[in-house]
Protein backbone atom coordinates (compact mmCIF):
# COMPACT_ATOMS: atom_id res chain seq x y z
CA MET A 1 -50.05 74.01 24.46
CA LYS A 2 -49.45 76.23 27.44
CA ILE A 3 -50.07 80.07 27.56
CA ILE A 4 -47.34 81.72 29.30
CA ARG A 5 -45.74 85.46 30.16
CA SER A 6 -43.06 86.55 28.00
CA GLU A 7 -40.84 87.07 30.85
CA GLU A 8 -41.22 83.11 31.25
CA VAL A 9 -39.29 82.53 28.20
CA SER A 10 -35.86 82.78 29.74
CA ARG A 11 -36.80 79.81 32.04
CA LEU A 12 -37.45 77.57 29.20
CA ILE A 13 -34.11 78.34 27.57
CA LYS A 14 -31.27 76.81 29.07
CA ASP A 15 -27.36 77.69 28.68
CA GLY A 16 -25.86 76.04 25.41
CA ASP A 17 -29.40 75.69 23.63
CA THR A 18 -29.64 76.34 20.08
CA ILE A 19 -32.51 78.41 18.91
CA MET A 20 -33.95 78.86 15.41
CA TYR A 21 -35.76 82.44 14.56
CA THR A 22 -37.95 83.42 11.71
CA GLY A 23 -37.75 87.06 10.49
CA ILE A 24 -36.85 89.78 8.18
CA THR A 25 -36.71 93.28 9.15
CA LEU A 26 -38.94 92.97 12.09
CA GLY A 27 -41.53 90.99 10.47
CA GLY A 28 -42.18 87.73 11.65
CA PHE A 29 -39.95 87.86 14.39
CA ALA A 30 -40.59 87.18 17.72
CA GLU A 31 -38.69 90.02 19.33
CA GLU A 32 -40.30 90.42 22.78
CA ALA A 33 -38.86 86.96 23.41
CA LEU A 34 -35.28 87.95 22.41
CA VAL A 35 -35.72 90.85 24.80
CA GLU A 36 -36.55 88.88 27.74
CA LEU A 37 -33.63 86.43 27.20
CA GLU A 38 -31.44 89.65 27.05
CA LYS A 39 -32.65 90.84 30.21
CA SER A 40 -32.19 87.70 31.94
CA PHE A 41 -28.77 87.40 30.73
CA LEU A 42 -27.73 90.87 31.72
CA ASP A 43 -29.17 90.13 35.07
CA THR A 44 -28.32 87.03 35.89
CA GLY A 45 -25.69 85.88 33.39
CA HIS A 46 -28.31 83.10 32.19
CA PRO A 47 -28.71 81.71 29.75
CA ARG A 48 -25.40 81.97 28.17
CA ASN A 49 -23.42 80.31 25.20
CA LEU A 50 -26.10 80.26 22.97
CA THR A 51 -26.14 79.18 19.36
CA MET A 52 -28.76 81.35 17.53
CA TYR A 53 -29.74 80.72 13.57
CA TRP A 54 -31.69 83.47 11.53
CA GLN A 55 -33.15 83.50 7.93
CA SER A 56 -32.13 87.47 6.78
CA ALA A 57 -31.67 90.79 7.88
CA THR A 58 -33.56 91.04 11.28
CA GLY A 59 -33.76 94.33 12.75
CA ASN A 60 -34.24 97.57 11.99
CA ARG A 61 -30.60 98.47 11.09
CA GLY A 62 -30.33 100.02 14.74
CA ASP A 63 -30.76 98.93 18.03
CA ARG A 64 -33.61 96.34 17.45
CA GLY A 65 -34.30 92.77 16.19
CA LEU A 66 -31.17 90.42 16.56
CA ALA A 67 -29.05 93.17 18.03
CA HIS A 68 -30.82 92.47 21.24
CA ALA A 69 -28.31 88.95 20.98
CA ALA A 70 -24.96 90.81 20.46
CA HIS A 71 -23.45 90.11 23.84
CA GLU A 72 -20.28 88.31 24.62
CA GLY A 73 -21.16 85.35 26.61
CA PHE A 74 -24.62 85.44 25.60
CA LEU A 75 -24.44 84.50 21.90
CA LYS A 76 -21.57 82.14 21.34
CA ARG A 77 -22.61 81.09 17.56
CA GLY A 78 -24.68 82.86 15.45
CA VAL A 79 -25.23 81.58 11.49
CA GLY A 80 -27.59 83.86 9.49
CA GLY A 81 -28.50 85.14 6.29
CA HIS A 82 -27.48 89.00 6.99
CA LEU A 83 -25.63 90.56 9.52
CA ASN A 84 -25.68 94.38 8.54
CA GLY A 85 -29.57 94.57 8.81
CA CYS A 86 -29.14 93.00 12.06
CA GLY A 87 -27.68 96.62 13.24
CA PRO A 88 -24.34 97.92 14.34
CA ALA A 89 -24.05 96.22 17.63
CA MET A 90 -24.47 92.70 15.48
CA THR A 91 -21.89 93.77 13.05
CA GLU A 92 -19.19 95.20 15.53
CA PHE A 93 -19.80 91.84 17.75
CA SER A 94 -18.74 89.75 14.47
CA ARG A 95 -15.88 92.41 13.97
CA ASP A 96 -14.50 92.19 17.42
CA ASN A 97 -14.68 88.54 17.50
CA LYS A 98 -16.71 88.09 20.50
CA GLY A 99 -18.54 85.12 19.13
CA GLU A 100 -18.44 82.83 16.28
CA ILE A 101 -20.19 84.43 13.70
CA TYR A 102 -21.39 82.82 10.20
CA ASN A 103 -22.97 83.87 7.34
CA PHE A 104 -25.11 81.62 4.96
CA PRO A 105 -27.16 82.83 1.62
CA GLN A 106 -30.55 83.55 2.87
CA GLY A 107 -32.17 80.89 0.24
CA VAL A 108 -30.07 78.45 2.11
CA MET A 109 -31.34 79.38 5.31
CA SER A 110 -34.91 79.39 4.26
CA VAL A 111 -35.03 75.86 3.18
CA MET A 112 -32.93 74.95 6.04
CA CYS A 113 -35.74 73.99 8.63
CA ARG A 114 -37.41 71.65 5.96
CA HIS A 115 -34.32 69.57 5.85
CA ILE A 116 -33.92 69.39 9.48
CA ALA A 117 -37.75 68.72 9.76
CA ALA A 118 -37.02 65.73 7.28
CA HIS A 119 -33.81 64.13 8.75
CA THR A 120 -31.99 65.05 5.30
CA PRO A 121 -28.06 65.20 5.76
CA GLY A 122 -28.05 68.79 4.93
CA VAL A 123 -28.78 71.65 2.32
CA ILE A 124 -26.48 70.50 -0.77
CA THR A 125 -26.72 73.20 -3.52
CA LYS A 126 -24.39 74.72 -6.18
CA ILE A 127 -25.48 77.99 -4.80
CA GLY A 128 -22.12 79.96 -3.34
CA LEU A 129 -19.79 77.73 -5.41
CA LYS A 130 -16.47 79.79 -5.80
CA SER A 131 -17.82 82.48 -3.55
CA MET A 132 -17.48 83.41 -0.02
CA MET A 133 -19.26 80.43 0.98
CA ASP A 134 -17.03 78.05 -0.84
CA PRO A 135 -14.50 76.40 1.91
CA ARG A 136 -11.80 77.25 -0.43
CA VAL A 137 -12.54 80.69 0.18
CA ASP A 138 -14.14 81.74 3.45
CA ALA A 139 -16.84 78.95 4.29
CA GLY A 140 -18.98 81.62 5.27
CA CYS A 141 -17.20 82.60 7.98
CA MET A 142 -17.31 86.08 8.79
CA ASN A 143 -14.66 86.39 11.27
CA GLU A 144 -11.32 85.05 12.81
CA LYS A 145 -13.42 83.09 15.68
CA ALA A 146 -15.86 81.08 13.23
CA LYS A 147 -12.67 80.03 10.97
CA ASN A 148 -10.89 78.82 14.06
CA ALA A 149 -14.17 76.93 14.97
CA GLU A 150 -16.23 74.04 13.33
CA ARG A 151 -16.67 74.23 9.56
CA LEU A 152 -20.14 74.22 8.89
CA VAL A 153 -19.75 74.13 4.95
CA GLU A 154 -18.14 71.57 3.08
CA LEU A 155 -17.16 71.39 -0.49
CA VAL A 156 -18.69 67.67 -1.92
CA GLU A 157 -18.88 65.92 -5.01
CA LEU A 158 -21.73 64.57 -6.45
CA GLY A 159 -22.45 62.66 -9.88
CA GLY A 160 -18.87 64.18 -10.88
CA GLU A 161 -20.07 67.58 -10.13
CA GLU A 162 -19.01 70.12 -7.30
CA TRP A 163 -21.51 71.07 -4.66
CA LEU A 164 -21.82 72.71 -1.51
CA TRP A 165 -22.97 71.02 1.52
CA TYR A 166 -24.12 73.19 4.41
CA LYS A 167 -24.69 71.42 7.39
CA LEU A 168 -27.49 71.48 9.88
CA PRO A 169 -28.21 72.24 13.58
CA LYS A 170 -30.19 70.07 16.22
CA LEU A 171 -32.67 72.61 17.72
CA ASP A 172 -33.70 72.87 21.15
CA VAL A 173 -35.97 75.93 20.66
CA THR A 174 -37.71 77.71 17.80
CA LEU A 175 -39.30 80.89 18.05
CA ILE A 176 -41.71 82.03 15.57
CA ARG A 177 -44.46 84.47 15.46
CA GLY A 178 -47.68 84.89 14.25
CA THR A 179 -51.01 87.09 14.60
CA VAL A 180 -52.83 85.10 16.58
CA ALA A 181 -53.49 81.71 18.47
CA ASP A 182 -56.08 79.99 19.46
CA THR A 183 -56.61 78.22 22.87
CA LYS A 184 -55.41 74.97 21.32
CA GLY A 185 -52.43 76.34 20.01
CA ASN A 186 -53.33 76.83 16.53
CA ILE A 187 -51.73 79.79 15.03
CA SER A 188 -52.64 82.18 11.99
CA CYS A 189 -50.46 84.83 10.50
CA TYR A 190 -52.92 86.51 8.67
CA LYS A 191 -51.58 90.14 9.56
CA GLU A 192 -47.88 89.34 8.46
CA GLY A 193 -46.45 90.72 5.40
CA TYR A 194 -44.08 87.70 4.60
CA LYS A 195 -44.74 83.71 4.71
CA LEU A 196 -41.56 82.98 6.84
CA GLY A 197 -41.39 79.08 6.99
CA GLN A 198 -43.44 79.23 10.50
CA LEU A 199 -44.51 75.80 9.76
CA SER A 200 -41.29 74.22 8.66
CA ALA A 201 -39.58 76.09 11.40
CA ALA A 202 -41.89 74.39 14.03
CA GLU A 203 -41.32 71.12 12.29
CA ALA A 204 -37.66 71.19 12.69
CA ALA A 205 -37.79 71.74 16.46
CA ARG A 206 -40.22 69.05 17.10
CA ALA A 207 -38.11 66.79 14.81
CA CYS A 208 -34.90 67.46 17.14
CA GLY A 209 -37.06 66.70 20.29
CA GLY A 210 -36.91 70.88 20.95
CA ILE A 211 -39.75 73.23 22.14
CA VAL A 212 -41.67 75.52 19.78
CA ILE A 213 -42.57 79.15 21.55
CA CYS A 214 -44.97 81.54 19.64
CA GLN A 215 -45.30 85.25 20.11
CA VAL A 216 -48.66 86.58 19.05
CA GLU A 217 -51.02 89.82 19.19
CA ASN A 218 -54.07 87.91 20.84
CA ILE A 219 -55.45 84.68 21.75
CA VAL A 220 -58.86 83.45 20.73
CA GLU A 221 -61.19 80.69 21.34
CA ALA A 222 -60.58 77.17 19.75
CA GLY A 223 -62.55 77.03 16.69
CA SER A 224 -62.27 80.72 15.79
CA ILE A 225 -59.53 80.41 12.97
CA LYS A 226 -60.50 78.88 9.74
CA PRO A 227 -58.32 75.72 9.14
CA ARG A 228 -57.16 77.13 6.00
CA ASP A 229 -55.97 80.21 7.66
CA VAL A 230 -54.28 78.18 10.11
CA THR A 231 -50.17 78.46 9.40
CA VAL A 232 -49.16 76.25 12.61
CA PRO A 233 -51.39 73.65 13.79
CA GLY A 234 -51.49 73.66 17.57
CA ILE A 235 -50.04 70.15 17.49
CA LEU A 236 -46.66 71.40 16.82
CA VAL A 237 -46.88 74.40 19.23
CA ASP A 238 -45.36 74.32 23.01
CA TYR A 239 -45.94 77.56 24.53
CA VAL A 240 -47.70 81.07 23.62
CA PHE A 241 -47.43 84.39 25.01
CA VAL A 242 -49.23 87.92 23.92
CA SER A 243 -46.75 90.66 22.65
CA LYS A 244 -46.72 94.23 23.82
CA PRO A 245 -47.39 96.08 20.76
CA GLU A 246 -44.16 97.69 20.34
CA TYR A 247 -42.69 94.42 19.95
CA HIS A 248 -44.83 93.33 17.40
CA TRP A 249 -43.88 95.44 14.19
CA GLN A 250 -45.09 94.27 10.58
CA THR A 251 -41.70 95.73 9.25
CA SER A 252 -39.07 97.81 10.85
CA LYS A 253 -40.44 100.98 9.92
CA THR A 254 -44.52 100.31 9.61
CA TYR A 255 -46.35 98.84 12.67
CA TYR A 256 -49.19 97.56 10.32
CA ASN A 257 -49.90 97.94 7.08
CA PRO A 258 -53.17 95.88 5.42
CA VAL A 259 -51.69 96.38 1.89
CA PHE A 260 -48.78 94.56 2.75
CA SER A 261 -50.34 91.28 4.52
CA GLY A 262 -52.81 91.43 1.36
CA GLU A 263 -56.00 92.71 2.83
CA ILE A 264 -56.39 95.36 0.76
CA ARG A 265 -54.93 97.44 -2.68
CA VAL A 266 -54.45 100.99 -3.16
CA PRO A 267 -53.92 102.65 -6.51
CA LEU A 268 -50.46 102.88 -8.07
CA ASP A 269 -50.52 106.54 -7.89
CA ALA A 270 -50.42 106.21 -4.18
CA ILE A 271 -46.70 104.89 -4.09
CA PRO A 272 -44.34 107.43 -3.48
CA SER A 273 -42.31 108.11 -6.74
CA GLU A 274 -38.40 108.68 -6.82
CA LYS A 275 -37.06 112.30 -7.25
CA LEU A 276 -34.33 112.78 -9.85
CA SER A 277 -31.26 111.80 -8.37
CA ALA A 278 -28.37 109.58 -9.27
CA ARG A 279 -30.36 106.89 -7.94
CA LYS A 280 -33.52 107.23 -10.09
CA VAL A 281 -30.85 107.63 -13.41
CA ILE A 282 -29.06 104.31 -12.57
CA ALA A 283 -32.65 102.83 -11.70
CA ARG A 284 -33.88 104.08 -15.32
CA ARG A 285 -31.04 102.93 -16.96
CA ALA A 286 -31.22 99.31 -15.23
CA ALA A 287 -35.07 99.48 -16.03
CA MET A 288 -34.10 99.41 -19.78
CA GLU A 289 -33.06 95.83 -19.52
CA LEU A 290 -36.39 94.86 -18.40
CA THR A 291 -38.18 92.79 -21.08
CA LYS A 292 -41.99 92.07 -21.61
CA GLY A 293 -42.98 88.99 -19.53
CA ALA A 294 -40.15 89.16 -17.34
CA ILE A 295 -39.46 87.42 -13.86
CA VAL A 296 -37.48 89.96 -12.04
CA ASN A 297 -35.78 90.37 -8.58
CA LEU A 298 -34.65 93.77 -7.02
CA GLY A 299 -31.86 93.79 -4.35
CA VAL A 300 -31.89 96.32 -1.68
CA GLY A 301 -30.72 100.16 -1.99
CA ILE A 302 -30.55 101.50 -5.62
CA PRO A 303 -32.10 98.59 -7.13
CA GLU A 304 -35.26 98.58 -5.15
CA ALA A 305 -35.82 102.07 -7.31
CA VAL A 306 -36.49 99.97 -10.59
CA SER A 307 -39.88 99.15 -9.25
CA SER A 308 -41.09 102.84 -8.48
CA VAL A 309 -39.52 103.58 -12.30
CA ALA A 310 -41.46 101.02 -13.91
CA ALA A 311 -44.71 101.75 -12.23
CA GLU A 312 -44.27 105.78 -13.12
CA GLU A 313 -43.54 104.83 -16.31
CA GLY A 314 -46.73 102.58 -16.72
CA CYS A 315 -44.61 99.31 -17.37
CA GLY A 316 -45.66 97.49 -14.33
CA GLU A 317 -48.11 95.07 -15.80
CA TYR A 318 -45.20 94.08 -18.49
CA ILE A 319 -43.54 92.38 -16.01
CA THR A 320 -43.59 90.42 -12.63
CA LEU A 321 -41.65 92.11 -9.88
CA THR A 322 -40.87 89.22 -6.98
CA THR A 323 -39.46 89.59 -3.57
CA GLU A 324 -37.22 87.10 -2.04
CA SER A 325 -39.49 86.90 1.15
CA GLY A 326 -42.59 85.70 -1.03
CA GLY A 327 -43.91 88.55 -3.08
CA ILE A 328 -45.10 87.64 -6.57
CA GLY A 329 -46.25 90.63 -8.44
CA GLY A 330 -47.25 94.22 -7.48
CA VAL A 331 -44.69 96.73 -6.53
CA PRO A 332 -41.76 95.65 -4.07
CA ALA A 333 -41.92 97.84 -0.87
CA SER A 334 -38.25 99.77 -0.42
CA GLY A 335 -36.02 100.82 2.56
CA HIS A 336 -37.19 99.40 5.80
CA ASP A 337 -40.27 98.14 4.33
CA PHE A 338 -38.07 95.80 2.01
CA GLY A 339 -39.62 92.42 1.07
CA CYS A 340 -43.06 93.29 1.50
CA CYS A 341 -45.03 94.54 -1.44
CA TRP A 342 -47.76 96.84 -2.64
CA ASN A 343 -50.55 95.18 -4.48
CA ALA A 344 -49.00 91.49 -4.71
CA GLU A 345 -50.61 89.19 -6.78
CA ALA A 346 -49.35 86.23 -4.45
CA THR A 347 -47.51 85.57 -1.59
CA ILE A 348 -45.96 82.24 -1.27
CA GLU A 349 -43.38 81.12 1.39
CA MET A 350 -39.98 82.19 0.99
CA ALA A 351 -38.41 78.78 0.96
CA ASP A 352 -40.62 78.31 -2.10
CA GLU A 353 -39.48 81.60 -3.84
CA PHE A 354 -35.99 80.49 -3.16
CA ASP A 355 -36.59 77.29 -4.86
CA MET A 356 -38.02 78.91 -7.75
CA TYR A 357 -34.73 81.54 -7.94
CA ASP A 358 -32.47 78.58 -7.65
CA GLY A 359 -34.20 76.40 -10.30
CA GLY A 360 -33.63 79.37 -12.96
CA ALA A 361 -37.09 80.99 -13.08
CA LEU A 362 -35.58 84.56 -12.62
CA ASP A 363 -34.82 86.41 -16.01
CA LEU A 364 -33.18 89.44 -14.52
CA GLY A 365 -31.55 90.22 -11.19
CA VAL A 366 -30.87 93.93 -10.34
CA LEU A 367 -28.43 94.18 -7.44
CA GLY A 368 -26.21 96.51 -5.62
CA VAL A 369 -22.49 96.85 -5.11
CA LEU A 370 -19.70 97.52 -2.71
CA GLN A 371 -16.58 96.78 -4.93
CA VAL A 372 -16.29 95.48 -8.46
CA GLY A 373 -12.82 93.72 -9.32
CA PRO A 374 -10.93 93.81 -12.94
CA ASN A 375 -12.44 89.90 -13.28
CA GLY A 376 -16.00 91.46 -12.69
CA ASN A 377 -15.95 89.94 -9.11
CA VAL A 378 -18.44 91.63 -6.70
CA ASN A 379 -18.00 92.36 -3.07
CA VAL A 380 -21.49 93.30 -1.18
CA SER A 381 -20.54 90.97 2.14
CA LYS A 382 -17.73 92.85 3.90
CA ARG A 383 -16.77 96.83 4.19
CA ASN A 384 -13.39 97.90 5.82
CA GLY A 385 -13.06 94.93 7.74
CA GLU A 386 -16.57 94.52 8.89
CA GLY A 387 -18.94 91.83 7.80
CA LEU A 388 -22.37 92.48 6.61
CA GLY A 389 -23.70 89.58 5.05
CA VAL A 390 -25.30 88.50 1.52
CA GLY A 391 -28.97 87.96 2.31
CA GLY A 392 -30.41 86.60 -0.90
CA PHE A 393 -27.69 88.35 -3.19
CA LEU A 394 -25.99 84.92 -4.04
CA ASN A 395 -29.49 82.90 -5.09
CA VAL A 396 -30.61 85.72 -7.16
CA ALA A 397 -26.99 86.15 -8.79
CA GLY A 398 -27.08 82.62 -9.16
CA GLY A 399 -30.25 82.06 -10.49
CA ALA A 400 -31.03 84.86 -12.93
CA SER A 401 -30.06 84.76 -16.41
CA LYS A 402 -29.27 88.26 -16.62
CA VAL A 403 -27.82 90.11 -13.74
CA VAL A 404 -27.42 93.65 -13.65
CA PHE A 405 -25.32 95.20 -10.72
CA ALA A 406 -26.08 98.88 -9.97
CA ALA A 407 -24.24 101.31 -8.29
CA THR A 408 -22.76 104.99 -7.81
CA PHE A 409 -19.52 105.12 -9.44
CA THR A 410 -18.02 106.08 -6.07
CA GLY A 411 -19.27 105.85 -2.60
CA GLY A 412 -18.71 107.31 0.70
CA LEU A 413 -16.87 105.63 3.64
CA HIS A 414 -19.51 107.97 5.93
CA LYS A 415 -22.61 109.49 5.54
CA GLY A 416 -22.42 112.48 3.51
CA GLU A 417 -19.21 111.47 2.30
CA GLY A 418 -20.29 110.02 -1.12
CA PRO A 419 -20.32 111.68 -4.33
CA ALA A 420 -22.71 114.37 -5.43
CA TYR A 421 -24.07 115.55 -8.92
CA GLU A 422 -25.82 118.40 -11.00
CA ILE A 423 -28.57 116.62 -12.95
CA SER A 424 -30.79 118.58 -15.62
CA ASN A 425 -31.58 119.10 -19.31
CA GLY A 426 -30.19 115.55 -20.09
CA HIS A 427 -26.55 115.76 -18.62
CA ILE A 428 -25.01 115.03 -15.55
CA LYS A 429 -21.90 116.71 -13.89
CA VAL A 430 -20.07 115.37 -11.09
CA ILE A 431 -19.42 118.33 -8.53
CA LYS A 432 -17.87 116.10 -5.58
CA GLU A 433 -16.38 112.76 -6.14
CA GLY A 434 -16.85 110.11 -3.11
CA ASN A 435 -14.40 109.05 -0.98
CA SER A 436 -14.31 105.22 -1.60
CA ARG A 437 -13.70 103.69 -4.84
CA LYS A 438 -15.72 100.75 -5.98
CA PHE A 439 -13.95 99.67 -9.03
CA VAL A 440 -10.94 98.29 -7.29
CA ASN A 441 -8.09 95.91 -8.14
CA GLU A 442 -8.81 93.71 -4.93
CA ILE A 443 -12.18 93.34 -3.43
CA GLU A 444 -12.31 92.79 0.24
CA GLN A 445 -14.54 89.65 -0.18
CA ILE A 446 -15.82 87.53 -2.77
CA SER A 447 -19.73 87.60 -2.82
CA PHE A 448 -20.26 87.10 -6.63
CA ASN A 449 -17.72 85.06 -8.55
CA GLY A 450 -17.52 86.96 -12.45
CA GLU A 451 -15.60 84.31 -14.30
CA ALA A 452 -17.81 81.47 -13.02
CA SER A 453 -21.11 83.05 -13.75
CA LEU A 454 -20.04 83.92 -17.38
CA ALA A 455 -19.00 80.20 -17.79
CA GLN A 456 -22.64 79.54 -17.02
CA GLY A 457 -23.58 81.44 -20.16
CA LYS A 458 -24.66 84.44 -17.84
CA LYS A 459 -24.88 88.37 -19.32
CA ILE A 460 -23.49 90.52 -16.51
CA MET A 461 -23.87 94.52 -16.34
CA TYR A 462 -22.79 97.22 -14.20
CA VAL A 463 -24.82 100.20 -14.51
CA THR A 464 -23.70 103.36 -12.73
CA GLU A 465 -24.78 106.94 -13.09
CA ARG A 466 -21.72 108.39 -15.39
CA CYS A 467 -21.28 104.84 -17.58
CA VAL A 468 -21.97 101.03 -18.10
CA PHE A 469 -19.99 98.26 -18.50
CA GLU A 470 -20.63 94.47 -19.83
CA LEU A 471 -18.35 91.57 -18.37
CA THR A 472 -16.37 89.67 -20.90
CA GLY A 473 -13.98 86.88 -20.73
CA GLU A 474 -11.28 89.42 -20.91
CA GLY A 475 -12.71 91.46 -17.97
CA LEU A 476 -15.13 94.81 -17.64
CA LEU A 477 -15.85 96.40 -21.17
CA LEU A 478 -16.75 100.00 -21.03
CA THR A 479 -20.12 100.33 -23.40
CA GLU A 480 -21.70 103.46 -22.54
CA ILE A 481 -20.63 106.71 -21.05
CA ALA A 482 -23.16 109.68 -19.78
CA PRO A 483 -23.80 112.80 -21.52
CA GLY A 484 -21.73 115.42 -19.43
CA VAL A 485 -19.19 112.87 -18.07
CA ASP A 486 -15.52 113.14 -18.62
CA LEU A 487 -13.93 109.78 -19.86
CA GLN A 488 -10.52 110.22 -18.29
CA LYS A 489 -11.53 112.58 -15.15
CA ASP A 490 -14.79 110.92 -13.99
CA ILE A 491 -14.32 107.17 -15.01
CA LEU A 492 -10.59 106.30 -15.55
CA GLU A 493 -9.02 108.17 -12.75
CA GLN A 494 -11.53 107.03 -10.04
CA MET A 495 -10.52 103.48 -11.12
CA ASP A 496 -7.96 101.34 -9.55
CA PHE A 497 -7.62 99.28 -12.94
CA CYS A 498 -8.07 100.05 -16.37
CA PRO A 499 -11.24 98.56 -18.05
CA LEU A 500 -11.28 97.65 -21.84
CA ILE A 501 -13.02 100.34 -23.68
CA SER A 502 -15.52 99.34 -26.74
CA GLU A 503 -14.54 100.49 -30.13
CA ASN A 504 -18.58 101.41 -30.44
CA LEU A 505 -18.62 103.39 -27.08
CA GLU A 506 -22.30 104.72 -27.12
CA GLN A 507 -23.80 107.56 -24.76
CA MET A 508 -26.11 106.51 -22.45
CA PRO A 509 -29.62 108.10 -23.41
CA ALA A 510 -29.86 111.59 -22.37
CA ASP A 511 -33.83 111.55 -21.72
CA ILE A 512 -32.86 109.31 -18.57
CA PHE A 513 -30.97 112.37 -17.01
CA ASN A 514 -34.43 114.66 -17.60
CA GLU A 515 -37.19 115.38 -14.81
CA ASN A 516 -39.50 113.32 -16.66
CA TRP A 517 -38.66 110.31 -19.06
CA GLY A 518 -41.44 108.61 -20.39
CA GLY A 519 -39.15 106.35 -22.50
CA LEU A 520 -39.76 102.87 -20.77
CA LYS A 521 -42.80 101.69 -22.36
CA LYS A 522 -41.26 102.76 -25.91
CA ILE A 523 -38.18 100.57 -25.42
CA MET A 524 -40.22 97.47 -24.25
CA ASP A 525 -43.01 97.92 -26.76
CA LYS A 526 -40.32 97.78 -29.26
CA GLU A 527 -39.72 94.17 -28.62
């Protein structure tokens, strides 16, 4: 192992190299290495035509993280678990066809390095069948340049069943991050909030004859790290550099919180609660689908609020909340801390979490929505022609026995253009409609296939602030309507299609529209 300066990273990477990055938000992400590569390209034009693989939403949805890679000529091909989380520069790069951009499920990206390290032919899974990952749909391509380039996922038949075969790259470089390295190159990640497969990423590079570069906060004497605290052994690490603090954030919001790395616990009342809003109403109704002993995953956005509702209602101990980045138990953090947990019971490898999801361990997945079609298909991966990506959405939706999609009934094309409400005394009133419909005749991209999921025996629900739908073999069935909502004006006239309406149309519980609820424990105790 050789200790280098961050400025030397660009000398180790050649034109045309293929690079694997670990990271989610800014956690586990060797940002300073990419900053130096970007500087070198802008100054000298090299390295250029790089191929980059990344696991998840890597950045701060602004100008950090993978946003540094969004330069024509610098990035030839990008294959990632998410795009939107990498910032506007990356989604615009994809939209404008400045490079080939592909999106694979986060679960596939998280296990990919294991397969590279073991020299398997690829990741073979049912996750993504009949969705935008399927070659019969989009083959994971997020822009025209990718569609006209190499196909990276194929449909195959094994044992008389259909599977998707996600192909593997040959890696030249793996860029990982740890907390400390000792002088023999052993890496500990004890201050990280996630376990992101740094070991398998290093093994993958070694299996391909590539190099491993690690960004750390400090370097310590050999023997300083307890053997059980070593995440990546030094025999797999080629270069280490010490990062500047500004490039070593634990998440894209938090520089360092010892709760997220499991070093301390805090009282649950220290966790911020949600104010009464449409978001909280939706989260409350979605929380009513929780059952005692359930293993649950919550997606980004409105679904995140289900965790704070459960905690506020004193039901946190009834269920086990999980995060796709490896968190088990506790309360998942939200917003730009997404993926970390308050008071987690365990933190496991992200790849192991996805194995658990894909194997059917999830009882309930609560996920966000951009668009819903008449047949229950859902789009979360493309908006107005701009690729956003799916993250762990497909793995959660594919692995959960019940899926609840949670979103406002209409949306806004831009900030401030969404719907507005008055919520009080057990009622909700729509005072301004959003300028973007969510229930449409044709969705932009098939992120979730409703018909295929029903065929697997799943229960599918769509929860909004003004009504609830269930998916049937004939389409969406309206089962509940909120107090204060007009069926014709606030629901049917805001949809492109007419849903089925239950003969036993019920009212959503009025008490979830009050400032204080206190009803979730009663519901769960009845079971």
